[in-house]
């Protein structure tokens, strides 16, 4: 997964305006108690970040 796909998926589920805010503020334990943006900036692969986001949002398996 590329960064662009990660952001497209997050935009799809939260809306473009809110997805950025959520990614800046929501701390996820699965990412070492970092936000999605912090994890991406630290070099965590987007696919791994998406898996943590997917779990946190309780999205259906089809969105994994």
Protein backbone atom coordinates (compact mmCIF):
# COMPACT_ATOMS: atom_id res chain seq x y z
CA UNK A 1 0.00 0.00 0.00
CA UNK A 2 1.25 3.48 -0.85
CA UNK A 3 0.68 6.62 1.16
CA UNK A 4 -1.81 7.85 -1.45
CA UNK A 5 -3.92 4.72 -1.06
CA UNK A 6 -3.80 5.04 2.73
CA UNK A 7 -5.09 8.62 2.57
CA UNK A 8 -7.74 7.75 -0.03
CA UNK A 9 -9.10 5.00 2.21
CA UNK A 10 -9.11 7.22 5.28
CA UNK A 11 -10.82 10.00 3.31
CA UNK A 12 -13.44 7.52 2.13
CA UNK A 13 -14.34 6.52 5.69
CA UNK A 14 -13.99 9.80 7.56
CA UNK A 15 -14.28 12.47 4.88
CA UNK A 16 -11.33 14.47 3.57
CA UNK A 17 -11.48 17.30 6.11
CA UNK A 18 -11.91 15.13 9.19
CA UNK A 19 -9.49 12.37 8.15
CA UNK A 20 -6.47 14.67 8.52
CA UNK A 21 -7.60 15.88 11.93
CA UNK A 22 -8.28 12.33 13.10
CA UNK A 23 -4.87 11.16 11.87
CA UNK A 24 -3.19 14.02 13.77
CA UNK A 25 -5.03 13.52 17.05
CA UNK A 26 -6.01 9.86 17.50
CA UNK A 27 -3.27 7.98 19.36
CA UNK A 28 -3.20 4.27 18.53
CA UNK A 29 -1.62 1.74 20.87
CA UNK A 30 -0.92 -0.60 17.95
CA UNK A 31 1.41 2.07 16.55
CA UNK A 32 3.46 2.47 19.70
CA UNK A 33 1.09 5.06 21.15
CA UNK A 34 1.56 7.35 18.16
CA UNK A 35 -0.87 8.97 15.80
CA UNK A 36 -1.17 7.72 12.23
CA UNK A 37 0.76 10.75 11.00
CA UNK A 38 3.53 10.25 13.55
CA UNK A 39 3.80 6.59 12.59
CA UNK A 40 3.95 7.37 8.87
CA UNK A 41 6.55 10.09 9.48
CA UNK A 42 8.59 7.59 11.51
CA UNK A 43 8.67 5.21 8.56
CA UNK A 44 6.01 2.71 9.59
CA UNK A 45 4.65 1.18 6.37
CA UNK A 46 1.25 2.57 5.35
CA UNK A 47 -0.20 -0.95 5.27
CA UNK A 48 0.69 -1.42 8.96
CA UNK A 49 -0.73 1.99 9.84
CA UNK A 50 -3.91 1.17 7.92
CA UNK A 51 -4.29 -2.10 9.86
CA UNK A 52 -4.21 -0.14 13.14
CA UNK A 53 -6.64 2.48 11.79
CA UNK A 54 -8.94 -0.25 10.45
CA UNK A 55 -9.04 -1.90 13.87
CA UNK A 56 -9.55 1.37 15.74
CA UNK A 57 -12.45 2.42 13.51
CA UNK A 58 -14.05 -1.04 13.62
CA UNK A 59 -14.30 -1.24 9.85
CA UNK A 60 -15.61 -4.39 8.13
CA UNK A 61 -13.19 -7.11 7.06
CA UNK A 62 -13.76 -6.18 3.42
CA UNK A 63 -11.96 -2.89 4.11
CA UNK A 64 -8.85 -4.53 5.49
